[in-house]
C-alpha atoms as a PDB file:
ATOM      1  CA  MET A   1      -4.159 -23.641  27.043  1.00  0.00           C
ATOM      2  CA  THR A   2      -1.623 -26.775  27.446  1.00  0.00           C
ATOM      3  CA  ALA A   3       1.506 -26.580  27.786  1.00  0.00           C
ATOM      4  CA  THR A   4       4.055 -29.214  26.097  1.00  0.00           C
ATOM      5  CA  LEU A   5       6.223 -30.857  28.572  1.00  0.00           C
ATOM      6  CA  ALA A   6       9.514 -31.937  27.543  1.00  0.00           C
ATOM      7  CA  PRO A   7      10.612 -35.513  28.493  1.00  0.00           C
ATOM      8  CA  PRO A   8      12.937 -35.785  31.950  1.00  0.00           C
ATOM      9  CA  GLN A   9      16.185 -35.960  31.417  1.00  0.00           C
ATOM     10  CA  GLY A  10      18.049 -39.222  31.224  1.00  0.00           C
ATOM     11  CA  LYS A  11      14.582 -40.583  29.702  1.00  0.00           C
ATOM     12  CA  ARG A  12      14.105 -41.173  26.360  1.00  0.00           C
ATOM     13  CA  ALA A  13      11.206 -40.070  24.366  1.00  0.00           C
ATOM     14  CA  ALA A  14       8.022 -41.827  23.338  1.00  0.00           C
ATOM     15  CA  PRO A  15       8.617 -44.041  19.766  1.00  0.00           C
ATOM     16  CA  GLY A  16       6.100 -41.973  18.272  1.00  0.00           C
ATOM     17  CA  ALA A  17       7.406 -38.862  18.927  1.00  0.00           C
ATOM     18  CA  ALA A  18       8.652 -36.308  15.716  1.00  0.00           C
ATOM     19  CA  ARG A  19      12.521 -36.560  15.134  1.00  0.00           C
ATOM     20  CA  THR A  20      14.241 -33.393  14.576  1.00  0.00           C
ATOM     21  CA  PRO A  21      14.888 -33.502  10.296  1.00  0.00           C
ATOM     22  CA  ARG A  22      18.500 -33.431   9.271  1.00  0.00           C
ATOM     23  CA  ARG A  23      19.423 -29.828   8.400  1.00  0.00           C
ATOM     24  CA  PRO A  24      21.002 -29.361   4.885  1.00  0.00           C
ATOM     25  CA  GLY A  25      24.204 -27.829   6.438  1.00  0.00           C
ATOM     26  CA  ARG A  26      24.929 -31.510   7.959  1.00  0.00           C
ATOM     27  CA  LEU A  27      23.769 -33.688   5.016  1.00  0.00           C
ATOM     28  CA  ARG A  28      26.749 -31.392   2.786  1.00  0.00           C
ATOM     29  CA  ARG A  29      29.322 -32.228   5.161  1.00  0.00           C
ATOM     30  CA  ALA A  30      28.084 -35.950   5.203  1.00  0.00           C
ATOM     31  CA  TRP A  31      28.425 -35.579   1.204  1.00  0.00           C
ATOM     32  CA  LEU A  32      31.768 -33.599   1.204  1.00  0.00           C
ATOM     33  CA  PRO A  33      34.540 -36.405   1.588  1.00  0.00           C
ATOM     34  CA  TYR A  34      32.742 -38.327  -1.445  1.00  0.00           C
ATOM     35  CA  LEU A  35      32.756 -35.050  -3.418  1.00  0.00           C
ATOM     36  CA  LEU A  36      36.228 -34.517  -2.753  1.00  0.00           C
ATOM     37  CA  LEU A  37      37.081 -38.403  -3.850  1.00  0.00           C
ATOM     38  CA  VAL A  38      35.361 -37.812  -7.005  1.00  0.00           C
ATOM     39  CA  PRO A  39      38.454 -35.918  -9.082  1.00  0.00           C
ATOM     40  CA  ALA A  40      40.973 -38.713  -7.910  1.00  0.00           C
ATOM     41  CA  LEU A  41      38.261 -41.342  -9.055  1.00  0.00           C
ATOM     42  CA  ALA A  42      37.703 -39.882 -12.453  1.00  0.00           C
ATOM     43  CA  LEU A  43      41.479 -39.623 -12.866  1.00  0.00           C
ATOM     44  CA  GLU A  44      41.941 -43.430 -12.053  1.00  0.00           C
ATOM     45  CA  LEU A  45      39.594 -44.235 -14.170  1.00  0.00           C
ATOM     46  CA  LEU A  46      40.994 -42.320 -17.268  1.00  0.00           C
ATOM     47  CA  VAL A  47      44.408 -43.557 -16.355  1.00  0.00           C
ATOM     48  CA  HIS A  48      44.111 -46.746 -15.372  1.00  0.00           C
ATOM     49  CA  LEU A  49      40.939 -48.661 -16.048  1.00  0.00           C
ATOM     50  CA  VAL A  50      40.038 -47.245 -19.264  1.00  0.00           C
ATOM     51  CA  PRO A  51      43.459 -48.238 -20.683  1.00  0.00           C
ATOM     52  CA  MET A  52      43.129 -51.539 -19.003  1.00  0.00           C
ATOM     53  CA  VAL A  53      39.882 -52.130 -20.807  1.00  0.00           C
ATOM     54  CA  TYR A  54      41.149 -51.525 -23.756  1.00  0.00           C
ATOM     55  CA  GLY A  55      43.893 -53.988 -23.893  1.00  0.00           C
ATOM     56  CA  LEU A  56      41.511 -56.189 -22.876  1.00  0.00           C
ATOM     57  CA  LEU A  57      39.681 -55.881 -26.356  1.00  0.00           C
ATOM     58  CA  MET A  58      43.047 -55.990 -27.911  1.00  0.00           C
ATOM     59  CA  SER A  59      44.130 -59.410 -26.625  1.00  0.00           C
ATOM     60  CA  PHE A  60      41.164 -61.039 -28.367  1.00  0.00           C
ATOM     61  CA  LYS A  61      41.944 -59.184 -31.869  1.00  0.00           C
ATOM     62  CA  GLU A  62      44.427 -59.839 -34.434  1.00  0.00           C
ATOM     63  CA  LEU A  63      45.975 -56.628 -34.424  1.00  0.00           C
ATOM     64  CA  THR A  64      48.817 -56.371 -36.253  1.00  0.00           C
ATOM     65  CA  GLN A  65      50.379 -52.958 -37.965  1.00  0.00           C
ATOM     66  CA  PHE A  66      47.565 -53.235 -41.113  1.00  0.00           C
ATOM     67  CA  TYR A  67      45.160 -52.160 -38.481  1.00  0.00           C
ATOM     68  CA  ILE A  68      47.087 -49.510 -36.444  1.00  0.00           C
ATOM     69  CA  ARG A  69      45.082 -46.501 -37.493  1.00  0.00           C
ATOM     70  CA  ASP A  70      41.503 -48.130 -36.442  1.00  0.00           C
ATOM     71  CA  TRP A  71      42.178 -50.978 -34.140  1.00  0.00           C
ATOM     72  CA  THR A  72      38.513 -51.687 -33.851  1.00  0.00           C
ATOM     73  CA  THR A  73      38.363 -53.262 -37.291  1.00  0.00           C
ATOM     74  CA  ALA A  74      41.001 -55.730 -36.867  1.00  0.00           C
ATOM     75  CA  PRO A  75      39.274 -59.517 -37.230  1.00  0.00           C
ATOM     76  CA  TRP A  76      37.941 -61.148 -33.714  1.00  0.00           C
ATOM     77  CA  LYS A  77      40.806 -63.870 -32.682  1.00  0.00           C
ATOM     78  CA  GLY A  78      39.098 -64.957 -29.439  1.00  0.00           C
ATOM     79  CA  LEU A  79      41.694 -66.916 -27.326  1.00  0.00           C
ATOM     80  CA  ASP A  80      44.045 -67.375 -30.196  1.00  0.00           C
ATOM     81  CA  ASN A  81      46.492 -65.128 -28.604  1.00  0.00           C
ATOM     82  CA  TYR A  82      46.289 -66.896 -25.294  1.00  0.00           C
ATOM     83  CA  ARG A  83      47.029 -70.162 -27.166  1.00  0.00           C
ATOM     84  CA  VAL A  84      49.965 -69.114 -28.689  1.00  0.00           C
ATOM     85  CA  ALA A  85      51.642 -67.002 -25.389  1.00  0.00           C
ATOM     86  CA  VAL A  86      51.006 -70.093 -23.063  1.00  0.00           C
ATOM     87  CA  ASP A  87      52.042 -72.685 -25.873  1.00  0.00           C
ATOM     88  CA  PHE A  88      55.390 -73.396 -24.519  1.00  0.00           C
ATOM     89  CA  ASP A  89      56.310 -75.614 -27.460  1.00  0.00           C
ATOM     90  CA  THR A  90      56.238 -72.633 -29.959  1.00  0.00           C
ATOM     91  CA  PRO A  91      58.730 -70.074 -30.163  1.00  0.00           C
ATOM     92  CA  VAL A  92      56.856 -67.526 -29.077  1.00  0.00           C
ATOM     93  CA  GLY A  93      55.809 -69.324 -25.732  1.00  0.00           C
ATOM     94  CA  ALA A  94      59.157 -70.512 -25.114  1.00  0.00           C
ATOM     95  CA  ALA A  95      60.311 -67.088 -25.405  1.00  0.00           C
ATOM     96  CA  LEU A  96      58.011 -65.725 -22.840  1.00  0.00           C
ATOM     97  CA  LEU A  97      58.659 -68.696 -20.200  1.00  0.00           C
ATOM     98  CA  HIS A  98      62.153 -67.949 -20.745  1.00  0.00           C
ATOM     99  CA  SER A  99      61.525 -64.785 -19.899  1.00  0.00           C
ATOM    100  CA  PHE A 100      59.096 -65.658 -17.194  1.00  0.00           C
ATOM    101  CA  TRP A 101      61.809 -67.067 -15.491  1.00  0.00           C
ATOM    102  CA  VAL A 102      64.513 -64.984 -15.608  1.00  0.00           C
ATOM    103  CA  THR A 103      61.908 -62.628 -14.295  1.00  0.00           C
ATOM    104  CA  CYS A 104      61.332 -64.471 -11.426  1.00  0.00           C
ATOM    105  CA  LEU A 105      65.002 -64.627 -10.588  1.00  0.00           C
ATOM    106  CA  PHE A 106      65.743 -61.264 -10.426  1.00  0.00           C
ATOM    107  CA  THR A 107      62.824 -59.996  -8.547  1.00  0.00           C
ATOM    108  CA  ALA A 108      63.625 -62.690  -6.228  1.00  0.00           C
ATOM    109  CA  LEU A 109      67.250 -61.396  -5.523  1.00  0.00           C
ATOM    110  CA  SER A 110      66.180 -57.660  -5.930  1.00  0.00           C
ATOM    111  CA  VAL A 111      63.588 -57.755  -3.512  1.00  0.00           C
ATOM    112  CA  GLY A 112      65.339 -59.702  -1.056  1.00  0.00           C
ATOM    113  CA  LEU A 113      69.053 -57.537  -1.639  1.00  0.00           C
ATOM    114  CA  CYS A 114      66.878 -54.688  -0.990  1.00  0.00           C
ATOM    115  CA  TRP A 115      64.807 -55.635   2.147  1.00  0.00           C
ATOM    116  CA  LEU A 116      68.409 -56.949   3.604  1.00  0.00           C
ATOM    117  CA  LEU A 117      70.544 -53.712   3.011  1.00  0.00           C
ATOM    118  CA  GLY A 118      67.766 -51.346   3.979  1.00  0.00           C
ATOM    119  CA  THR A 119      66.792 -53.103   7.270  1.00  0.00           C
ATOM    120  CA  THR A 120      70.550 -53.575   8.097  1.00  0.00           C
ATOM    121  CA  THR A 121      71.162 -50.151   7.362  1.00  0.00           C
ATOM    122  CA  ALA A 122      67.670 -49.018   9.465  1.00  0.00           C
ATOM    123  CA  VAL A 123      68.884 -51.149  12.218  1.00  0.00           C
ATOM    124  CA  TYR A 124      72.632 -49.295  12.371  1.00  0.00           C
ATOM    125  CA  LEU A 125      71.338 -45.876  12.502  1.00  0.00           C
ATOM    126  CA  GLN A 126      69.035 -45.787  15.199  1.00  0.00           C
ATOM    127  CA  GLU A 127      71.554 -45.744  17.130  1.00  0.00           C
ATOM    128  CA  SER A 128      72.705 -41.671  18.036  1.00  0.00           C
ATOM    129  CA  PHE A 129      76.742 -41.004  16.796  1.00  0.00           C
ATOM    130  CA  ARG A 130      77.517 -37.770  14.991  1.00  0.00           C
ATOM    131  CA  GLY A 131      77.041 -37.604  11.339  1.00  0.00           C
ATOM    132  CA  ARG A 132      74.072 -39.830  11.336  1.00  0.00           C
ATOM    133  CA  GLY A 133      71.657 -37.381   9.914  1.00  0.00           C
ATOM    134  CA  LEU A 134      74.277 -37.074   7.178  1.00  0.00           C
ATOM    135  CA  LEU A 135      74.044 -40.698   6.564  1.00  0.00           C
ATOM    136  CA  ARG A 136      70.605 -40.756   6.032  1.00  0.00           C
ATOM    137  CA  GLY A 137      70.466 -38.121   3.717  1.00  0.00           C
ATOM    138  CA  LEU A 138      73.305 -39.644   1.765  1.00  0.00           C
ATOM    139  CA  PHE A 139      71.302 -43.188   1.514  1.00  0.00           C
ATOM    140  CA  LEU A 140      68.554 -41.483   0.077  1.00  0.00           C
ATOM    141  CA  ILE A 141      69.827 -39.922  -2.824  1.00  0.00           C
ATOM    142  CA  PRO A 142      69.588 -42.849  -5.544  1.00  0.00           C
ATOM    143  CA  TYR A 143      65.814 -42.868  -4.070  1.00  0.00           C
ATOM    144  CA  ALA A 144      65.344 -38.931  -4.463  1.00  0.00           C
ATOM    145  CA  LEU A 145      67.319 -38.812  -7.886  1.00  0.00           C
ATOM    146  CA  PRO A 146      65.163 -38.892 -11.148  1.00  0.00           C
ATOM    147  CA  MET A 147      65.055 -42.783 -12.688  1.00  0.00           C
ATOM    148  CA  TYR A 148      66.174 -41.996 -15.951  1.00  0.00           C
ATOM    149  CA  ALA A 149      69.445 -39.827 -15.237  1.00  0.00           C
ATOM    150  CA  ALA A 150      70.180 -42.592 -12.813  1.00  0.00           C
ATOM    151  CA  VAL A 151      70.312 -45.528 -15.071  1.00  0.00           C
ATOM    152  CA  ILE A 152      71.834 -43.472 -17.917  1.00  0.00           C
ATOM    153  CA  THR A 153      74.723 -42.744 -15.607  1.00  0.00           C
ATOM    154  CA  TRP A 154      74.891 -46.325 -14.872  1.00  0.00           C
ATOM    155  CA  THR A 155      74.825 -46.949 -18.449  1.00  0.00           C
ATOM    156  CA  PHE A 156      78.327 -45.259 -18.966  1.00  0.00           C
ATOM    157  CA  MET A 157      79.980 -46.686 -15.886  1.00  0.00           C
ATOM    158  CA  PHE A 158      79.402 -49.877 -16.994  1.00  0.00           C
ATOM    159  CA  GLN A 159      81.308 -49.344 -20.840  1.00  0.00           C
ATOM    160  CA  ARG A 160      83.447 -51.683 -21.285  1.00  0.00           C
ATOM    161  CA  ASP A 161      86.429 -49.749 -22.381  1.00  0.00           C
ATOM    162  CA  ASN A 162      85.678 -46.185 -20.455  1.00  0.00           C
ATOM    163  CA  GLY A 163      83.285 -47.474 -17.670  1.00  0.00           C
ATOM    164  CA  LEU A 164      84.235 -46.445 -13.846  1.00  0.00           C
ATOM    165  CA  VAL A 165      83.105 -50.172 -12.898  1.00  0.00           C
ATOM    166  CA  ASN A 166      85.971 -51.883 -15.270  1.00  0.00           C
ATOM    167  CA  HIS A 167      88.628 -49.165 -14.469  1.00  0.00           C
ATOM    168  CA  VAL A 168      87.693 -50.139 -10.804  1.00  0.00           C
ATOM    169  CA  LEU A 169      87.758 -54.024 -11.084  1.00  0.00           C
ATOM    170  CA  VAL A 170      90.408 -54.447 -13.798  1.00  0.00           C
ATOM    171  CA  ASP A 171      92.773 -51.328 -13.495  1.00  0.00           C
ATOM    172  CA  GLN A 172      92.639 -50.967  -9.797  1.00  0.00           C
ATOM    173  CA  LEU A 173      91.585 -54.201  -8.435  1.00  0.00           C
ATOM    174  CA  GLY A 174      92.869 -56.596 -11.038  1.00  0.00           C
ATOM    175  CA  LEU A 175      89.908 -58.843 -10.447  1.00  0.00           C
ATOM    176  CA  PHE A 176      89.893 -59.735 -14.253  1.00  0.00           C
ATOM    177  CA  ASP A 177      92.382 -60.011 -16.928  1.00  0.00           C
ATOM    178  CA  GLU A 178      90.089 -58.031 -19.820  1.00  0.00           C
ATOM    179  CA  PRO A 179      87.309 -55.748 -19.543  1.00  0.00           C
ATOM    180  CA  PRO A 180      84.377 -57.782 -19.556  1.00  0.00           C
ATOM    181  CA  PHE A 181      80.994 -56.685 -21.171  1.00  0.00           C
ATOM    182  CA  TRP A 182      78.493 -55.856 -18.686  1.00  0.00           C
ATOM    183  CA  LEU A 183      75.520 -54.823 -21.236  1.00  0.00           C
ATOM    184  CA  LEU A 184      75.809 -57.757 -23.279  1.00  0.00           C
ATOM    185  CA  GLY A 185      75.809 -61.173 -23.090  1.00  0.00           C
ATOM    186  CA  ASP A 186      75.413 -62.887 -19.294  1.00  0.00           C
ATOM    187  CA  ASN A 187      76.630 -59.905 -17.618  1.00  0.00           C
ATOM    188  CA  SER A 188      73.912 -58.488 -18.568  1.00  0.00           C
ATOM    189  CA  PHE A 189      71.522 -60.059 -15.694  1.00  0.00           C
ATOM    190  CA  TRP A 190      73.871 -58.964 -12.847  1.00  0.00           C
ATOM    191  CA  ALA A 191      73.938 -55.056 -14.430  1.00  0.00           C
ATOM    192  CA  LEU A 192      70.631 -55.128 -14.231  1.00  0.00           C
ATOM    193  CA  LEU A 193      70.549 -56.636 -10.844  1.00  0.00           C
ATOM    194  CA  VAL A 194      72.953 -54.120  -9.175  1.00  0.00           C
ATOM    195  CA  VAL A 195      70.915 -50.678 -10.824  1.00  0.00           C
ATOM    196  CA  SER A 196      67.570 -52.522  -9.840  1.00  0.00           C
ATOM    197  CA  VAL A 197      69.090 -52.944  -6.118  1.00  0.00           C
ATOM    198  CA  TRP A 198      70.880 -49.792  -6.081  1.00  0.00           C
ATOM    199  CA  LYS A 199      67.651 -47.710  -7.087  1.00  0.00           C
ATOM    200  CA  GLY A 200      65.339 -49.739  -4.544  1.00  0.00           C
ATOM    201  CA  TRP A 201      67.269 -50.606  -1.317  1.00  0.00           C
ATOM    202  CA  PRO A 202      66.651 -46.717  -0.212  1.00  0.00           C
ATOM    203  CA  PHE A 203      62.999 -46.688  -0.522  1.00  0.00           C
ATOM    204  CA  ALA A 204      63.029 -50.107   1.514  1.00  0.00           C
ATOM    205  CA  PHE A 205      65.605 -48.558   4.262  1.00  0.00           C
ATOM    206  CA  LEU A 206      63.230 -45.292   4.408  1.00  0.00           C
ATOM    207  CA  ILE A 207      59.989 -47.518   5.141  1.00  0.00           C
ATOM    208  CA  VAL A 208      61.790 -49.648   7.956  1.00  0.00           C
ATOM    209  CA  MET A 209      63.433 -47.096   9.704  1.00  0.00           C
ATOM    210  CA  ALA A 210      59.973 -44.987   9.614  1.00  0.00           C
ATOM    211  CA  GLY A 211      58.393 -48.510  11.414  1.00  0.00           C
ATOM    212  CA  LEU A 212      61.639 -48.481  13.860  1.00  0.00           C
ATOM    213  CA  GLN A 213      60.403 -45.312  15.543  1.00  0.00           C
ATOM    214  CA  THR A 214      57.279 -46.975  16.831  1.00  0.00           C
ATOM    215  CA  VAL A 215      59.383 -49.597  18.441  1.00  0.00           C
ATOM    216  CA  PRO A 216      59.618 -48.478  22.073  1.00  0.00           C
ATOM    217  CA  ARG A 217      62.895 -47.872  23.564  1.00  0.00           C
ATOM    218  CA  GLU A 218      62.517 -49.599  26.891  1.00  0.00           C
ATOM    219  CA  LEU A 219      61.688 -52.828  25.545  1.00  0.00           C
ATOM    220  CA  TYR A 220      65.686 -52.955  24.254  1.00  0.00           C
ATOM    221  CA  GLU A 221      66.492 -51.507  27.864  1.00  0.00           C
ATOM    222  CA  ALA A 222      64.612 -54.130  29.299  1.00  0.00           C
ATOM    223  CA  ALA A 223      66.071 -56.802  27.349  1.00  0.00           C
ATOM    224  CA  ALA A 224      69.936 -55.619  27.720  1.00  0.00           C
ATOM    225  CA  LEU A 225      69.255 -55.822  31.782  1.00  0.00           C
ATOM    226  CA  ASP A 226      68.035 -59.322  30.944  1.00  0.00           C
ATOM    227  CA  GLY A 227      71.423 -60.144  28.843  1.00  0.00           C
ATOM    228  CA  ALA A 228      70.238 -60.447  25.801  1.00  0.00           C
ATOM    229  CA  GLY A 229      72.714 -59.100  23.134  1.00  0.00           C
ATOM    230  CA  ARG A 230      71.970 -57.019  19.759  1.00  0.00           C
ATOM    231  CA  TRP A 231      71.662 -60.599  17.838  1.00  0.00           C
ATOM    232  CA  GLN A 232      68.787 -61.758  20.353  1.00  0.00           C
ATOM    233  CA  GLN A 233      66.875 -58.364  20.306  1.00  0.00           C
ATOM    234  CA  LEU A 234      67.168 -57.975  16.010  1.00  0.00           C
ATOM    235  CA  ARG A 235      65.281 -61.384  16.677  1.00  0.00           C
ATOM    236  CA  ARG A 236      63.292 -60.858  19.197  1.00  0.00           C
ATOM    237  CA  ILE A 237      61.902 -57.402  19.566  1.00  0.00           C
ATOM    238  CA  THR A 238      62.965 -55.925  16.103  1.00  0.00           C
ATOM    239  CA  LEU A 239      61.555 -58.518  13.662  1.00  0.00           C
ATOM    240  CA  PRO A 240      58.526 -59.226  15.526  1.00  0.00           C
ATOM    241  CA  SER A 241      57.689 -55.500  15.676  1.00  0.00           C
ATOM    242  CA  LEU A 242      58.257 -54.651  12.014  1.00  0.00           C
ATOM    243  CA  SER A 243      56.484 -58.034  10.671  1.00  0.00           C
ATOM    244  CA  SER A 244      53.400 -55.634   9.577  1.00  0.00           C
ATOM    245  CA  VAL A 245      55.720 -53.272   7.939  1.00  0.00           C
ATOM    246  CA  ASN A 246      57.517 -56.100   6.527  1.00  0.00           C
ATOM    247  CA  GLN A 247      54.556 -57.276   5.147  1.00  0.00           C
ATOM    248  CA  VAL A 248      53.923 -54.419   2.838  1.00  0.00           C
ATOM    249  CA  LEU A 249      57.387 -53.633   1.968  1.00  0.00           C
ATOM    250  CA  VAL A 250      58.414 -56.993   0.492  1.00  0.00           C
ATOM    251  CA  LEU A 251      54.751 -56.598  -1.136  1.00  0.00           C
ATOM    252  CA  VAL A 252      55.311 -53.093  -2.998  1.00  0.00           C
ATOM    253  CA  LEU A 253      58.776 -54.187  -4.121  1.00  0.00           C
ATOM    254  CA  PHE A 254      57.906 -57.388  -5.477  1.00  0.00           C
ATOM    255  CA  LEU A 255      55.007 -55.610  -7.368  1.00  0.00           C
ATOM    256  CA  TRP A 256      57.483 -52.475  -8.597  1.00  0.00           C
ATOM    257  CA  THR A 257      60.675 -54.801  -9.615  1.00  0.00           C
ATOM    258  CA  PHE A 258      57.941 -57.573 -11.549  1.00  0.00           C
ATOM    259  CA  ASN A 259      56.325 -54.763 -13.554  1.00  0.00           C
ATOM    260  CA  ASP A 260      59.911 -52.882 -13.886  1.00  0.00           C
ATOM    261  CA  PHE A 261      60.338 -51.555 -17.522  1.00  0.00           C
ATOM    262  CA  ASN A 262      61.891 -48.390 -16.969  1.00  0.00           C
ATOM    263  CA  THR A 263      65.501 -49.956 -15.648  1.00  0.00           C
ATOM    264  CA  PRO A 264      65.911 -52.727 -18.383  1.00  0.00           C
ATOM    265  CA  PHE A 265      64.628 -50.269 -21.424  1.00  0.00           C
ATOM    266  CA  VAL A 266      66.910 -47.364 -20.715  1.00  0.00           C
ATOM    267  CA  LEU A 267      69.978 -49.879 -19.598  1.00  0.00           C
ATOM    268  CA  PHE A 268      70.143 -51.868 -22.655  1.00  0.00           C
ATOM    269  CA  GLY A 269      67.245 -50.268 -25.307  1.00  0.00           C
ATOM    270  CA  LYS A 270      64.524 -51.774 -27.031  1.00  0.00           C
ATOM    271  CA  SER A 271      65.984 -55.003 -27.340  1.00  0.00           C
ATOM    272  CA  ALA A 272      67.394 -56.672 -24.135  1.00  0.00           C
ATOM    273  CA  PRO A 273      69.901 -59.150 -24.054  1.00  0.00           C
ATOM    274  CA  GLN A 274      68.389 -62.964 -22.963  1.00  0.00           C
ATOM    275  CA  ALA A 275      70.026 -63.196 -19.806  1.00  0.00           C
ATOM    276  CA  ALA A 276      67.859 -60.093 -18.775  1.00  0.00           C
ATOM    277  CA  ASP A 277      64.863 -60.544 -20.648  1.00  0.00           C
ATOM    278  CA  LEU A 278      62.374 -59.224 -18.321  1.00  0.00           C
ATOM    279  CA  VAL A 279      58.756 -59.989 -18.647  1.00  0.00           C
ATOM    280  CA  SER A 280      58.082 -56.080 -19.170  1.00  0.00           C
ATOM    281  CA  ILE A 281      60.727 -55.833 -21.935  1.00  0.00           C
ATOM    282  CA  HIS A 282      59.134 -58.830 -23.505  1.00  0.00           C
ATOM    283  CA  ILE A 283      55.924 -57.939 -23.699  1.00  0.00           C
ATOM    284  CA  TYR A 284      57.079 -54.366 -25.172  1.00  0.00           C
ATOM    285  CA  GLN A 285      59.452 -56.233 -27.891  1.00  0.00           C
ATOM    286  CA  ALA A 286      56.105 -58.845 -29.137  1.00  0.00           C
ATOM    287  CA  SER A 287      53.991 -55.488 -29.381  1.00  0.00           C
ATOM    288  CA  PHE A 288      55.736 -52.486 -30.641  1.00  0.00           C
ATOM    289  CA  VAL A 289      58.950 -54.055 -32.332  1.00  0.00           C
ATOM    290  CA  THR A 290      57.479 -57.493 -33.880  1.00  0.00           C
ATOM    291  CA  TRP A 291      53.725 -55.072 -34.143  1.00  0.00           C
ATOM    292  CA  ASN A 292      52.146 -57.877 -32.994  1.00  0.00           C
ATOM    293  CA  PHE A 293      49.682 -55.863 -30.422  1.00  0.00           C
ATOM    294  CA  GLY A 294      47.046 -58.522 -30.139  1.00  0.00           C
ATOM    295  CA  THR A 295      49.835 -61.302 -28.852  1.00  0.00           C
ATOM    296  CA  GLY A 296      51.207 -58.276 -26.864  1.00  0.00           C
ATOM    297  CA  SER A 297      48.071 -57.195 -24.981  1.00  0.00           C
ATOM    298  CA  ALA A 298      47.304 -61.098 -23.904  1.00  0.00           C
ATOM    299  CA  MET A 299      50.595 -61.628 -22.909  1.00  0.00           C
ATOM    300  CA  SER A 300      50.225 -58.447 -20.612  1.00  0.00           C
ATOM    301  CA  VAL A 301      46.582 -59.947 -19.416  1.00  0.00           C
ATOM    302  CA  LEU A 302      48.205 -62.763 -18.207  1.00  0.00           C
ATOM    303  CA  LEU A 303      50.807 -61.056 -16.033  1.00  0.00           C
ATOM    304  CA  LEU A 304      47.858 -58.670 -14.828  1.00  0.00           C
ATOM    305  CA  LEU A 305      46.327 -62.126 -13.733  1.00  0.00           C
ATOM    306  CA  PHE A 306      49.627 -63.602 -12.649  1.00  0.00           C
ATOM    307  CA  LEU A 307      50.068 -60.566 -10.212  1.00  0.00           C
ATOM    308  CA  LEU A 308      46.832 -60.365  -8.975  1.00  0.00           C
ATOM    309  CA  VAL A 309      46.751 -64.009  -7.999  1.00  0.00           C
ATOM    310  CA  VAL A 310      50.234 -63.563  -6.441  1.00  0.00           C
ATOM    311  CA  THR A 311      49.178 -60.692  -4.438  1.00  0.00           C
ATOM    312  CA  ALA A 312      46.127 -62.392  -3.444  1.00  0.00           C
ATOM    313  CA  VAL A 313      47.500 -65.191  -2.018  1.00  0.00           C
ATOM    314  CA  TYR A 314      50.661 -63.330  -0.282  1.00  0.00           C
ATOM    315  CA  LEU A 315      47.853 -61.379   1.026  1.00  0.00           C
ATOM    316  CA  LEU A 316      45.972 -64.551   2.410  1.00  0.00           C
ATOM    317  CA  ILE A 317      48.960 -65.692   4.043  1.00  0.00           C
ATOM    318  CA  THR A 318      49.648 -62.932   5.566  1.00  0.00           C
ATOM    319  CA  SER A 319      46.074 -62.000   7.321  1.00  0.00           C
ATOM    320  CA  ARG A 320      46.202 -65.740   8.436  1.00  0.00           C
ATOM    321  CA  GLY A 321      49.415 -65.440  10.413  1.00  0.00           C
ATOM    322  CA  ARG A 322      48.623 -62.241  11.854  1.00  0.00           C
ATOM    323  CA  ARG A 323      45.175 -63.592  13.342  1.00  0.00           C
ATOM    324  CA  SER A 324      47.782 -67.025  14.756  1.00  0.00           C
ATOM    325  CA  ALA A 325      49.669 -64.560  16.197  1.00  0.00           C
ATOM    326  CA  GLY A 326      47.144 -62.291  17.807  1.00  0.00           C
ATOM    327  CA  ALA A 327      45.467 -65.677  19.034  1.00  0.00           C
END
């Protein structure tokens, strides 16, 4: 009989040696993460991708109320809906362009104020003092409240004759001679901005506060020993340490604010004032008020393409900035 000798320890087996076959249990463990992702991918396909494909197809059809029972029978219109939407010499295109600029201004102010308030509050609440936990909980209340209930409450507060806002500004502070209309005219833009910042800045506060937990306290102690003040510590330590957090935070706030439909719809109803005519509510009016679903779908596709381009450019710029900073 010939005995089979095992190779010495520390040496590999010959290339022609037979490999141990994988056990079925190992294969099951390897495929388990992918199997767990199947329900989430199926829901994502059902909730987002399928309606997106249907909306894209609708944008190429002359879909009006006459074909609402079976939209597949609507006449094919090709790119005509897109031409109407981007023809700024026509009333439809001019209204869409005005809504786009209003949304850009609204988004810039809302995101900037949310980031500024959230970052300032999170930085000041890093210091230990009595009642800090209570303040953190109170500041997160707008983010925890149901959105519809919160905006409806603001609608009552902005009422001209018996609203709390005019009661404080006119009756108590005397800033206006007569109670202004906050949900009509040019003031509607500022009312919408106040509500957006009120419900959005706690999210920025929460994200920045979580990011500050990763900054070592030794850096601040060393900077204080070197004579650096609070402003210098903020510029040289806090903000650079939060750069990656702020990049994600600004992008998320931008996408949420630019796409916001619930806030203007609950605050103003189906027809928003011209000063607060955001793109989201404008597309809703073009689709469900005028019953021109083809043009509304084309506007939605254009909005999606704009957000994809802005997101790609933003990620490209921020990734280059991180690479240049790490070099």
